[in-house]
Amino acid sequence: MVNGRVLRAAPRPGARLNDHWRPYGEENHLYENDGTGRFASVPAVCGSLCSEVEVSRGLAVGDVDNDGDLDALTTSGDGRAGCIATRAPATRTGSCCVRSTGREAATRWAR
């Protein structure tokens, strides 16, 4: 889930945003389906996608690199865009492998 405040608040620690955007910044979130219809937050496995404070506003999912699996693109209020590209073969089991392609890269299987 991409995230960012809509009302100004005290800046989050570690926010590397300009003065205008700093009061709106928040961390993004990654949730994993536990197989019972419930989702749990898994911030430790999504690398810089979840650790950096941003003002994210959009998330689009599609096959960006034409390899048959889904990739995710994010946009931020300050104009930056990011890509979370999957790096596993497409499967028919409902699984996907997500790699955060920021400063840190992490790979995690999710169902």
PDB file of N, CA and C in Angstrom:
ATOM      1  N   MET A   1       0.849  -1.159   0.000  1.00  0.00           N
ATOM      2  CA  MET A   1       0.000   0.000   0.000  1.00  0.00           C
ATOM      3  C   MET A   1       0.902   1.231   0.000  1.00  0.00           C
ATOM      4  N   VAL A   2       0.682   2.137  -0.919  1.00  0.00           N
ATOM      5  CA  VAL A   2       1.432   3.384  -0.900  1.00  0.00           C
ATOM      6  C   VAL A   2       0.734   4.347   0.042  1.00  0.00           C
ATOM      7  N   ASN A   3       1.503   5.225   0.645  1.00  0.00           N
ATOM      8  CA  ASN A   3       0.996   5.979   1.768  1.00  0.00           C
ATOM      9  C   ASN A   3       1.585   7.380   1.791  1.00  0.00           C
ATOM     10  N   GLY A   4       0.850   8.316   2.294  1.00  0.00           N
ATOM     11  CA  GLY A   4       1.303   9.687   2.505  1.00  0.00           C
ATOM     12  C   GLY A   4       0.169  10.487   3.123  1.00  0.00           C
ATOM     13  N   ARG A   5       0.495  11.306   4.080  1.00  0.00           N
ATOM     14  CA  ARG A   5      -0.529  12.096   4.773  1.00  0.00           C
ATOM     15  C   ARG A   5      -1.198  13.085   3.817  1.00  0.00           C
ATOM     16  N   VAL A   6      -2.432  13.469   4.159  1.00  0.00           N
ATOM     17  CA  VAL A   6      -3.118  14.522   3.421  1.00  0.00           C
ATOM     18  C   VAL A   6      -3.168  15.811   4.241  1.00  0.00           C
ATOM     19  N   LEU A   7      -2.866  15.715   5.542  1.00  0.00           N
ATOM     20  CA  LEU A   7      -2.774  16.884   6.405  1.00  0.00           C
ATOM     21  C   LEU A   7      -1.356  16.974   6.952  1.00  0.00           C
ATOM     22  N   ARG A   8      -0.849  18.183   7.097  1.00  0.00           N
ATOM     23  CA  ARG A   8       0.504  18.387   7.617  1.00  0.00           C
ATOM     24  C   ARG A   8       0.580  17.888   9.065  1.00  0.00           C
ATOM     25  N   ALA A   9       1.709  17.290   9.410  1.00  0.00           N
ATOM     26  CA  ALA A   9       1.949  16.806  10.776  1.00  0.00           C
ATOM     27  C   ALA A   9       3.448  16.871  11.037  1.00  0.00           C
ATOM     28  N   ALA A  10       3.857  16.530  12.243  1.00  0.00           N
ATOM     29  CA  ALA A  10       5.285  16.519  12.573  1.00  0.00           C
ATOM     30  C   ALA A  10       6.001  15.562  11.629  1.00  0.00           C
ATOM     31  N   PRO A  11       7.140  15.976  11.077  1.00  0.00           N
ATOM     32  CA  PRO A  11       7.865  15.112  10.140  1.00  0.00           C
ATOM     33  C   PRO A  11       8.295  13.796  10.778  1.00  0.00           C
ATOM     34  N   ARG A  12       8.232  12.726   9.991  1.00  0.00           N
ATOM     35  CA  ARG A  12       8.678  11.398  10.433  1.00  0.00           C
ATOM     36  C   ARG A  12      10.202  11.382  10.495  1.00  0.00           C
ATOM     37  N   PRO A  13      10.777  10.665  11.454  1.00  0.00           N
ATOM     38  CA  PRO A  13      12.243  10.553  11.516  1.00  0.00           C
ATOM     39  C   PRO A  13      12.803   9.977  10.212  1.00  0.00           C
ATOM     40  N   GLY A  14      13.883  10.530   9.755  1.00  0.00           N
ATOM     41  CA  GLY A  14      14.534  10.027   8.548  1.00  0.00           C
ATOM     42  C   GLY A  14      13.972  10.552   7.247  1.00  0.00           C
ATOM     43  N   ALA A  15      12.995  11.455   7.326  1.00  0.00           N
ATOM     44  CA  ALA A  15      12.404  11.990   6.096  1.00  0.00           C
ATOM     45  C   ALA A  15      13.440  12.809   5.338  1.00  0.00           C
ATOM     46  N   ARG A  16      13.716  12.396   4.094  1.00  0.00           N
ATOM     47  CA  ARG A  16      14.645  13.137   3.230  1.00  0.00           C
ATOM     48  C   ARG A  16      13.861  13.794   2.113  1.00  0.00           C
ATOM     49  N   LEU A  17      12.937  14.617   2.511  1.00  0.00           N
ATOM     50  CA  LEU A  17      12.077  15.330   1.572  1.00  0.00           C
ATOM     51  C   LEU A  17      12.345  16.820   1.708  1.00  0.00           C
ATOM     52  N   ASN A  18      11.979  17.592   0.688  1.00  0.00           N
ATOM     53  CA  ASN A  18      12.168  19.041   0.814  1.00  0.00           C
ATOM     54  C   ASN A  18      11.174  19.598   1.838  1.00  0.00           C
ATOM     55  N   ASP A  19      11.362  20.847   2.204  1.00  0.00           N
ATOM     56  CA  ASP A  19      10.560  21.457   3.272  1.00  0.00           C
ATOM     57  C   ASP A  19       9.060  21.390   3.008  1.00  0.00           C
ATOM     58  N   HIS A  20       8.645  21.505   1.743  1.00  0.00           N
ATOM     59  CA  HIS A  20       7.221  21.452   1.423  1.00  0.00           C
ATOM     60  C   HIS A  20       6.621  20.074   1.722  1.00  0.00           C
ATOM     61  N   TRP A  21       7.296  18.998   1.320  1.00  0.00           N
ATOM     62  CA  TRP A  21       6.734  17.651   1.418  1.00  0.00           C
ATOM     63  C   TRP A  21       7.002  16.962   2.760  1.00  0.00           C
ATOM     64  N   ARG A  22       8.006  17.391   3.503  1.00  0.00           N
ATOM     65  CA  ARG A  22       8.397  16.708   4.745  1.00  0.00           C
ATOM     66  C   ARG A  22       7.225  16.467   5.720  1.00  0.00           C
ATOM     67  N   PRO A  23       6.311  17.423   5.962  1.00  0.00           N
ATOM     68  CA  PRO A  23       5.214  17.172   6.900  1.00  0.00           C
ATOM     69  C   PRO A  23       4.177  16.162   6.414  1.00  0.00           C
ATOM     70  N   TYR A  24       4.246  15.747   5.142  1.00  0.00           N
ATOM     71  CA  TYR A  24       3.285  14.801   4.590  1.00  0.00           C
ATOM     72  C   TYR A  24       3.843  13.379   4.473  1.00  0.00           C
ATOM     73  N   GLY A  25       5.120  13.204   4.688  1.00  0.00           N
ATOM     74  CA  GLY A  25       5.766  11.921   4.446  1.00  0.00           C
ATOM     75  C   GLY A  25       5.396  10.834   5.434  1.00  0.00           C
ATOM     76  N   GLU A  26       5.263   9.613   4.942  1.00  0.00           N
ATOM     77  CA  GLU A  26       5.042   8.418   5.756  1.00  0.00           C
ATOM     78  C   GLU A  26       5.684   7.230   5.043  1.00  0.00           C
ATOM     79  N   GLU A  27       5.874   6.142   5.762  1.00  0.00           N
ATOM     80  CA  GLU A  27       6.394   4.920   5.170  1.00  0.00           C
ATOM     81  C   GLU A  27       5.280   4.214   4.404  1.00  0.00           C
ATOM     82  N   ASN A  28       5.652   3.503   3.335  1.00  0.00           N
ATOM     83  CA  ASN A  28       4.713   2.626   2.634  1.00  0.00           C
ATOM     84  C   ASN A  28       4.595   1.330   3.424  1.00  0.00           C
ATOM     85  N   HIS A  29       3.653   0.473   3.041  1.00  0.00           N
ATOM     86  CA  HIS A  29       3.423  -0.776   3.752  1.00  0.00           C
ATOM     87  C   HIS A  29       3.314  -1.941   2.772  1.00  0.00           C
ATOM     88  N   LEU A  30       3.769  -3.115   3.205  1.00  0.00           N
ATOM     89  CA  LEU A  30       3.594  -4.350   2.444  1.00  0.00           C
ATOM     90  C   LEU A  30       2.885  -5.337   3.353  1.00  0.00           C
ATOM     91  N   TYR A  31       1.830  -5.941   2.844  1.00  0.00           N
ATOM     92  CA  TYR A  31       1.060  -6.916   3.607  1.00  0.00           C
ATOM     93  C   TYR A  31       1.126  -8.266   2.913  1.00  0.00           C
ATOM     94  N   GLU A  32       1.173  -9.321   3.712  1.00  0.00           N
ATOM     95  CA  GLU A  32       1.237 -10.683   3.191  1.00  0.00           C
ATOM     96  C   GLU A  32      -0.017 -11.438   3.601  1.00  0.00           C
ATOM     97  N   ASN A  33      -0.631 -12.117   2.630  1.00  0.00           N
ATOM     98  CA  ASN A  33      -1.790 -12.955   2.892  1.00  0.00           C
ATOM     99  C   ASN A  33      -1.316 -14.201   3.626  1.00  0.00           C
ATOM    100  N   ASP A  34      -1.916 -14.497   4.778  1.00  0.00           N
ATOM    101  CA  ASP A  34      -1.485 -15.664   5.554  1.00  0.00           C
ATOM    102  C   ASP A  34      -2.178 -16.959   5.124  1.00  0.00           C
ATOM    103  N   GLY A  35      -2.985 -16.890   4.073  1.00  0.00           N
ATOM    104  CA  GLY A  35      -3.659 -18.083   3.561  1.00  0.00           C
ATOM    105  C   GLY A  35      -5.035 -18.305   4.149  1.00  0.00           C
ATOM    106  N   THR A  36      -5.418 -17.516   5.154  1.00  0.00           N
ATOM    107  CA  THR A  36      -6.735 -17.654   5.782  1.00  0.00           C
ATOM    108  C   THR A  36      -7.624 -16.451   5.493  1.00  0.00           C
ATOM    109  N   GLY A  37      -7.187 -15.603   4.553  1.00  0.00           N
ATOM    110  CA  GLY A  37      -7.957 -14.413   4.240  1.00  0.00           C
ATOM    111  C   GLY A  37      -7.569 -13.211   5.080  1.00  0.00           C
ATOM    112  N   ARG A  38      -6.546 -13.363   5.890  1.00  0.00           N
ATOM    113  CA  ARG A  38      -6.057 -12.244   6.708  1.00  0.00           C
ATOM    114  C   ARG A  38      -4.690 -11.806   6.191  1.00  0.00           C
ATOM    115  N   PHE A  39      -4.364 -10.557   6.408  1.00  0.00           N
ATOM    116  CA  PHE A  39      -3.099  -9.995   5.953  1.00  0.00           C
ATOM    117  C   PHE A  39      -2.320  -9.466   7.141  1.00  0.00           C
ATOM    118  N   ALA A  40      -1.008  -9.670   7.102  1.00  0.00           N
ATOM    119  CA  ALA A  40      -0.121  -9.184   8.161  1.00  0.00           C
ATOM    120  C   ALA A  40       0.940  -8.286   7.538  1.00  0.00           C
ATOM    121  N   SER A  41       1.303  -7.241   8.253  1.00  0.00           N
ATOM    122  CA  SER A  41       2.337  -6.336   7.794  1.00  0.00           C
ATOM    123  C   SER A  41       3.685  -7.045   7.822  1.00  0.00           C
ATOM    124  N   VAL A  42       4.485  -6.900   6.754  1.00  0.00           N
ATOM    125  CA  VAL A  42       5.815  -7.517   6.676  1.00  0.00           C
ATOM    126  C   VAL A  42       6.841  -6.467   6.228  1.00  0.00           C
ATOM    127  N   PRO A  43       7.070  -5.442   7.047  1.00  0.00           N
ATOM    128  CA  PRO A  43       7.966  -4.355   6.633  1.00  0.00           C
ATOM    129  C   PRO A  43       9.420  -4.785   6.474  1.00  0.00           C
ATOM    130  N   ALA A  44       9.856  -5.796   7.194  1.00  0.00           N
ATOM    131  CA  ALA A  44      11.261  -6.204   7.147  1.00  0.00           C
ATOM    132  C   ALA A  44      11.653  -6.800   5.802  1.00  0.00           C
ATOM    133  N   VAL A  45      10.689  -7.236   5.002  1.00  0.00           N
ATOM    134  CA  VAL A  45      11.032  -7.900   3.742  1.00  0.00           C
ATOM    135  C   VAL A  45      10.853  -7.024   2.508  1.00  0.00           C
ATOM    136  N   CYS A  46      10.421  -5.785   2.681  1.00  0.00           N
ATOM    137  CA  CYS A  46      10.173  -4.981   1.473  1.00  0.00           C
ATOM    138  C   CYS A  46      11.212  -3.894   1.256  1.00  0.00           C
ATOM    139  N   GLY A  47      12.343  -3.973   1.938  1.00  0.00           N
ATOM    140  CA  GLY A  47      13.472  -3.093   1.666  1.00  0.00           C
ATOM    141  C   GLY A  47      13.124  -1.628   1.716  1.00  0.00           C
ATOM    142  N   SER A  48      13.702  -0.854   0.816  1.00  0.00           N
ATOM    143  CA  SER A  48      13.546   0.594   0.847  1.00  0.00           C
ATOM    144  C   SER A  48      12.124   1.041   0.505  1.00  0.00           C
ATOM    145  N   LEU A  49      11.325   0.181  -0.108  1.00  0.00           N
ATOM    146  CA  LEU A  49       9.935   0.542  -0.385  1.00  0.00           C
ATOM    147  C   LEU A  49       9.212   0.906   0.905  1.00  0.00           C
ATOM    148  N   CYS A  50       9.478   0.174   1.991  1.00  0.00           N
ATOM    149  CA  CYS A  50       8.800   0.418   3.263  1.00  0.00           C
ATOM    150  C   CYS A  50       9.639   1.203   4.260  1.00  0.00           C
ATOM    151  N   SER A  51      10.924   1.318   4.049  1.00  0.00           N
ATOM    152  CA  SER A  51      11.749   1.997   5.041  1.00  0.00           C
ATOM    153  C   SER A  51      11.928   3.482   4.767  1.00  0.00           C
ATOM    154  N   GLU A  52      11.802   3.909   3.535  1.00  0.00           N
ATOM    155  CA  GLU A  52      11.970   5.315   3.215  1.00  0.00           C
ATOM    156  C   GLU A  52      10.670   6.077   3.442  1.00  0.00           C
ATOM    157  N   VAL A  53      10.788   7.279   3.986  1.00  0.00           N
ATOM    158  CA  VAL A  53       9.640   8.151   4.201  1.00  0.00           C
ATOM    159  C   VAL A  53       9.381   8.898   2.903  1.00  0.00           C
ATOM    160  N   GLU A  54       8.179   8.736   2.358  1.00  0.00           N
ATOM    161  CA  GLU A  54       7.810   9.343   1.083  1.00  0.00           C
ATOM    162  C   GLU A  54       6.395   9.903   1.180  1.00  0.00           C
ATOM    163  N   VAL A  55       5.971  10.582   0.150  1.00  0.00           N
ATOM    164  CA  VAL A  55       4.589  11.033   0.024  1.00  0.00           C
ATOM    165  C   VAL A  55       4.025  10.319  -1.199  1.00  0.00           C
ATOM    166  N   SER A  56       3.805   9.034  -1.051  1.00  0.00           N
ATOM    167  CA  SER A  56       3.354   8.214  -2.177  1.00  0.00           C
ATOM    168  C   SER A  56       1.884   8.477  -2.447  1.00  0.00           C
ATOM    169  N   ARG A  57       1.537   8.498  -3.716  1.00  0.00           N
ATOM    170  CA  ARG A  57       0.159   8.810  -4.098  1.00  0.00           C
ATOM    171  C   ARG A  57      -0.460   7.805  -5.052  1.00  0.00           C
ATOM    172  N   GLY A  58       0.334   7.018  -5.737  1.00  0.00           N
ATOM    173  CA  GLY A  58      -0.254   6.115  -6.714  1.00  0.00           C
ATOM    174  C   GLY A  58       0.468   4.787  -6.770  1.00  0.00           C
ATOM    175  N   LEU A  59      -0.272   3.741  -7.081  1.00  0.00           N
ATOM    176  CA  LEU A  59       0.274   2.400  -7.260  1.00  0.00           C
ATOM    177  C   LEU A  59      -0.418   1.779  -8.466  1.00  0.00           C
ATOM    178  N   ALA A  60       0.375   1.353  -9.438  1.00  0.00           N
ATOM    179  CA  ALA A  60      -0.157   0.690 -10.629  1.00  0.00           C
ATOM    180  C   ALA A  60       0.550  -0.650 -10.774  1.00  0.00           C
ATOM    181  N   VAL A  61      -0.188  -1.666 -11.181  1.00  0.00           N
ATOM    182  CA  VAL A  61       0.363  -3.008 -11.330  1.00  0.00           C
ATOM    183  C   VAL A  61       0.150  -3.479 -12.762  1.00  0.00           C
ATOM    184  N   GLY A  62       1.207  -4.002 -13.366  1.00  0.00           N
ATOM    185  CA  GLY A  62       1.137  -4.518 -14.729  1.00  0.00           C
ATOM    186  C   GLY A  62       2.465  -5.160 -15.093  1.00  0.00           C
ATOM    187  N   ASP A  63       2.547  -5.730 -16.256  1.00  0.00           N
ATOM    188  CA  ASP A  63       3.770  -6.391 -16.714  1.00  0.00           C
ATOM    189  C   ASP A  63       4.655  -5.377 -17.427  1.00  0.00           C
ATOM    190  N   VAL A  64       5.437  -4.624 -16.668  1.00  0.00           N
ATOM    191  CA  VAL A  64       6.261  -3.540 -17.203  1.00  0.00           C
ATOM    192  C   VAL A  64       7.383  -4.057 -18.100  1.00  0.00           C
ATOM    193  N   ASP A  65       8.037  -5.146 -17.695  1.00  0.00           N
ATOM    194  CA  ASP A  65       9.198  -5.640 -18.435  1.00  0.00           C
ATOM    195  C   ASP A  65       8.868  -6.785 -19.390  1.00  0.00           C
ATOM    196  N   ASN A  66       7.580  -7.044 -19.619  1.00  0.00           N
ATOM    197  CA  ASN A  66       7.115  -8.021 -20.593  1.00  0.00           C
ATOM    198  C   ASN A  66       7.665  -9.426 -20.364  1.00  0.00           C
ATOM    199  N   ASP A  67       7.784  -9.810 -19.069  1.00  0.00           N
ATOM    200  CA  ASP A  67       8.273 -11.159 -18.771  1.00  0.00           C
ATOM    201  C   ASP A  67       7.161 -12.097 -18.294  1.00  0.00           C
ATOM    202  N   GLY A  68       5.906 -11.629 -18.328  1.00  0.00           N
ATOM    203  CA  GLY A  68       4.784 -12.486 -17.989  1.00  0.00           C
ATOM    204  C   GLY A  68       4.341 -12.413 -16.545  1.00  0.00           C
ATOM    205  N   ASP A  69       5.056 -11.703 -15.684  1.00  0.00           N
ATOM    206  CA  ASP A  69       4.612 -11.562 -14.294  1.00  0.00           C
ATOM    207  C   ASP A  69       4.346 -10.094 -13.981  1.00  0.00           C
ATOM    208  N   LEU A  70       3.708  -9.843 -12.843  1.00  0.00           N
ATOM    209  CA  LEU A  70       3.292  -8.492 -12.504  1.00  0.00           C
ATOM    210  C   LEU A  70       4.402  -7.695 -11.833  1.00  0.00           C
ATOM    211  N   ASP A  71       4.509  -6.442 -12.198  1.00  0.00           N
ATOM    212  CA  ASP A  71       5.423  -5.489 -11.590  1.00  0.00           C
ATOM    213  C   ASP A  71       4.568  -4.348 -11.046  1.00  0.00           C
ATOM    214  N   ALA A  72       5.094  -3.592 -10.097  1.00  0.00           N
ATOM    215  CA  ALA A  72       4.358  -2.477  -9.508  1.00  0.00           C
ATOM    216  C   ALA A  72       5.137  -1.181  -9.698  1.00  0.00           C
ATOM    217  N   LEU A  73       4.416  -0.128 -10.039  1.00  0.00           N
ATOM    218  CA  LEU A  73       4.998   1.203 -10.177  1.00  0.00           C
ATOM    219  C   LEU A  73       4.349   2.108  -9.138  1.00  0.00           C
ATOM    220  N   THR A  74       5.163   2.930  -8.467  1.00  0.00           N
ATOM    221  CA  THR A  74       4.639   3.883  -7.496  1.00  0.00           C
ATOM    222  C   THR A  74       4.955   5.302  -7.954  1.00  0.00           C
ATOM    223  N   THR A  75       4.118   6.243  -7.546  1.00  0.00           N
ATOM    224  CA  THR A  75       4.394   7.651  -7.791  1.00  0.00           C
ATOM    225  C   THR A  75       4.328   8.394  -6.462  1.00  0.00           C
ATOM    226  N   SER A  76       5.057   9.506  -6.393  1.00  0.00           N
ATOM    227  CA  SER A  76       5.112  10.298  -5.172  1.00  0.00           C
ATOM    228  C   SER A  76       4.673  11.723  -5.456  1.00  0.00           C
ATOM    229  N   GLY A  77       4.251  12.398  -4.402  1.00  0.00           N
ATOM    230  CA  GLY A  77       3.793  13.772  -4.521  1.00  0.00           C
ATOM    231  C   GLY A  77       4.870  14.707  -5.029  1.00  0.00           C
ATOM    232  N   ASP A  78       6.137  14.383  -4.790  1.00  0.00           N
ATOM    233  CA  ASP A  78       7.217  15.261  -5.242  1.00  0.00           C
ATOM    234  C   ASP A  78       7.687  14.945  -6.654  1.00  0.00           C
ATOM    235  N   GLY A  79       6.981  14.047  -7.343  1.00  0.00           N
ATOM    236  CA  GLY A  79       7.281  13.769  -8.736  1.00  0.00           C
ATOM    237  C   GLY A  79       8.125  12.544  -8.996  1.00  0.00           C
ATOM    238  N   ARG A  80       8.681  11.918  -7.950  1.00  0.00           N
ATOM    239  CA  ARG A  80       9.500  10.725  -8.164  1.00  0.00           C
ATOM    240  C   ARG A  80       8.617   9.506  -8.426  1.00  0.00           C
ATOM    241  N   ALA A  81       9.160   8.583  -9.179  1.00  0.00           N
ATOM    242  CA  ALA A  81       8.465   7.321  -9.439  1.00  0.00           C
ATOM    243  C   ALA A  81       9.388   6.173  -9.044  1.00  0.00           C
ATOM    244  N   GLY A  82       8.811   5.034  -8.694  1.00  0.00           N
ATOM    245  CA  GLY A  82       9.593   3.868  -8.337  1.00  0.00           C
ATOM    246  C   GLY A  82       9.026   2.637  -8.999  1.00  0.00           C
ATOM    247  N   CYS A  83       9.833   1.599  -9.104  1.00  0.00           N
ATOM    248  CA  CYS A  83       9.399   0.347  -9.716  1.00  0.00           C
ATOM    249  C   CYS A  83       9.738  -0.804  -8.786  1.00  0.00           C
ATOM    250  N   ILE A  84       8.775  -1.662  -8.535  1.00  0.00           N
ATOM    251  CA  ILE A  84       8.983  -2.898  -7.797  1.00  0.00           C
ATOM    252  C   ILE A  84       8.790  -4.001  -8.820  1.00  0.00           C
ATOM    253  N   ALA A  85       9.889  -4.598  -9.268  1.00  0.00           N
ATOM    254  CA  ALA A  85       9.833  -5.585 -10.346  1.00  0.00           C
ATOM    255  C   ALA A  85       9.909  -6.987  -9.775  1.00  0.00           C
ATOM    256  N   THR A  86       9.040  -7.861 -10.267  1.00  0.00           N
ATOM    257  CA  THR A  86       9.109  -9.256  -9.853  1.00  0.00           C
ATOM    258  C   THR A  86      10.225  -9.947 -10.600  1.00  0.00           C
ATOM    259  N   ARG A  87      10.859 -10.905  -9.947  1.00  0.00           N
ATOM    260  CA  ARG A  87      11.999 -11.598 -10.549  1.00  0.00           C
ATOM    261  C   ARG A  87      11.868 -13.111 -10.433  1.00  0.00           C
ATOM    262  N   ALA A  88      10.680 -13.607 -10.632  1.00  0.00           N
ATOM    263  CA  ALA A  88      10.452 -15.047 -10.598  1.00  0.00           C
ATOM    264  C   ALA A  88       9.567 -15.408 -11.783  1.00  0.00           C
ATOM    265  N   PRO A  89       9.652 -16.632 -12.246  1.00  0.00           N
ATOM    266  CA  PRO A  89       8.790 -17.038 -13.356  1.00  0.00           C
ATOM    267  C   PRO A  89       7.319 -16.918 -12.976  1.00  0.00           C
ATOM    268  N   ALA A  90       6.508 -16.548 -13.928  1.00  0.00           N
ATOM    269  CA  ALA A  90       5.073 -16.500 -13.684  1.00  0.00           C
ATOM    270  C   ALA A  90       4.584 -17.895 -13.319  1.00  0.00           C
ATOM    271  N   THR A  91       3.667 -17.976 -12.374  1.00  0.00           N
ATOM    272  CA  THR A  91       3.124 -19.267 -11.954  1.00  0.00           C
ATOM    273  C   THR A  91       1.614 -19.237 -12.067  1.00  0.00           C
ATOM    274  N   ARG A  92       1.037 -20.373 -12.014  1.00  0.00           N
ATOM    275  CA  ARG A  92      -0.420 -20.465 -12.016  1.00  0.00           C
ATOM    276  C   ARG A  92      -0.929 -20.831 -10.632  1.00  0.00           C
ATOM    277  N   THR A  93      -0.105 -20.693  -9.613  1.00  0.00           N
ATOM    278  CA  THR A  93      -0.492 -21.075  -8.252  1.00  0.00           C
ATOM    279  C   THR A  93      -0.954 -19.893  -7.419  1.00  0.00           C
ATOM    280  N   GLY A  94      -0.947 -18.688  -7.976  1.00  0.00           N
ATOM    281  CA  GLY A  94      -1.343 -17.512  -7.218  1.00  0.00           C
ATOM    282  C   GLY A  94      -0.191 -16.921  -6.416  1.00  0.00           C
ATOM    283  N   SER A  95       1.035 -17.378  -6.645  1.00  0.00           N
ATOM    284  CA  SER A  95       2.188 -16.859  -5.927  1.00  0.00           C
ATOM    285  C   SER A  95       2.915 -15.840  -6.778  1.00  0.00           C
ATOM    286  N   CYS A  96       3.614 -14.959  -6.126  1.00  0.00           N
ATOM    287  CA  CYS A  96       4.483 -14.044  -6.850  1.00  0.00           C
ATOM    288  C   CYS A  96       5.693 -13.736  -5.988  1.00  0.00           C
ATOM    289  N   CYS A  97       6.748 -13.317  -6.611  1.00  0.00           N
ATOM    290  CA  CYS A  97       7.968 -12.931  -5.915  1.00  0.00           C
ATOM    291  C   CYS A  97       8.162 -11.444  -6.154  1.00  0.00           C
ATOM    292  N   VAL A  98       8.313 -10.666  -5.092  1.00  0.00           N
ATOM    293  CA  VAL A  98       8.440  -9.223  -5.220  1.00  0.00           C
ATOM    294  C   VAL A  98       9.825  -8.800  -4.779  1.00  0.00           C
ATOM    295  N   ARG A  99      10.479  -7.993  -5.591  1.00  0.00           N
ATOM    296  CA  ARG A  99      11.783  -7.449  -5.226  1.00  0.00           C
ATOM    297  C   ARG A  99      11.677  -5.931  -5.219  1.00  0.00           C
ATOM    298  N   SER A 100      11.997  -5.331  -4.087  1.00  0.00           N
ATOM    299  CA  SER A 100      12.031  -3.874  -3.991  1.00  0.00           C
ATOM    300  C   SER A 100      13.332  -3.405  -4.619  1.00  0.00           C
ATOM    301  N   THR A 101      13.248  -2.542  -5.608  1.00  0.00           N
ATOM    302  CA  THR A 101      14.449  -2.140  -6.337  1.00  0.00           C
ATOM    303  C   THR A 101      14.917  -0.760  -5.919  1.00  0.00           C
ATOM    304  N   GLY A 102      14.935  -0.498  -4.630  1.00  0.00           N
ATOM    305  CA  GLY A 102      15.465   0.756  -4.108  1.00  0.00           C
ATOM    306  C   GLY A 102      16.892   0.540  -3.655  1.00  0.00           C
ATOM    307  N   ARG A 103      17.308   1.280  -2.647  1.00  0.00           N
ATOM    308  CA  ARG A 103      18.665   1.139  -2.135  1.00  0.00           C
ATOM    309  C   ARG A 103      18.926  -0.252  -1.587  1.00  0.00           C
ATOM    310  N   GLU A 104      17.924  -0.834  -0.982  1.00  0.00           N
ATOM    311  CA  GLU A 104      18.052  -2.196  -0.474  1.00  0.00           C
ATOM    312  C   GLU A 104      17.148  -3.069  -1.337  1.00  0.00           C
ATOM    313  N   ALA A 105      17.549  -4.272  -1.610  1.00  0.00           N
ATOM    314  CA  ALA A 105      16.689  -5.178  -2.377  1.00  0.00           C
ATOM    315  C   ALA A 105      16.339  -6.359  -1.497  1.00  0.00           C
ATOM    316  N   ALA A 106      15.085  -6.740  -1.533  1.00  0.00           N
ATOM    317  CA  ALA A 106      14.626  -7.882  -0.742  1.00  0.00           C
ATOM    318  C   ALA A 106      13.695  -8.706  -1.603  1.00  0.00           C
ATOM    319  N   THR A 107      13.699  -9.992  -1.408  1.00  0.00           N
ATOM    320  CA  THR A 107      12.833 -10.895  -2.166  1.00  0.00           C
ATOM    321  C   THR A 107      12.023 -11.716  -1.183  1.00  0.00           C
ATOM    322  N   ARG A 108      10.746 -11.889  -1.455  1.00  0.00           N
ATOM    323  CA  ARG A 108       9.874 -12.613  -0.539  1.00  0.00           C
ATOM    324  C   ARG A 108       8.777 -13.279  -1.356  1.00  0.00           C
ATOM    325  N   TRP A 109       8.478 -14.519  -1.054  1.00  0.00           N
ATOM    326  CA  TRP A 109       7.348 -15.199  -1.681  1.00  0.00           C
ATOM    327  C   TRP A 109       6.092 -14.825  -0.909  1.00  0.00           C
ATOM    328  N   ALA A 110       5.012 -14.515  -1.602  1.00  0.00           N
ATOM    329  CA  ALA A 110       3.744 -14.171  -0.961  1.00  0.00           C
ATOM    330  C   ALA A 110       2.629 -14.902  -1.689  1.00  0.00           C
ATOM    331  N   ARG A 111       1.686 -15.350  -0.944  1.00  0.00           N
ATOM    332  CA  ARG A 111       0.497 -16.012  -1.504  1.00  0.00           C
ATOM    333  C   ARG A 111      -0.708 -15.160  -1.227  1.00  0.00           C
TER     334      ARG A 111
END
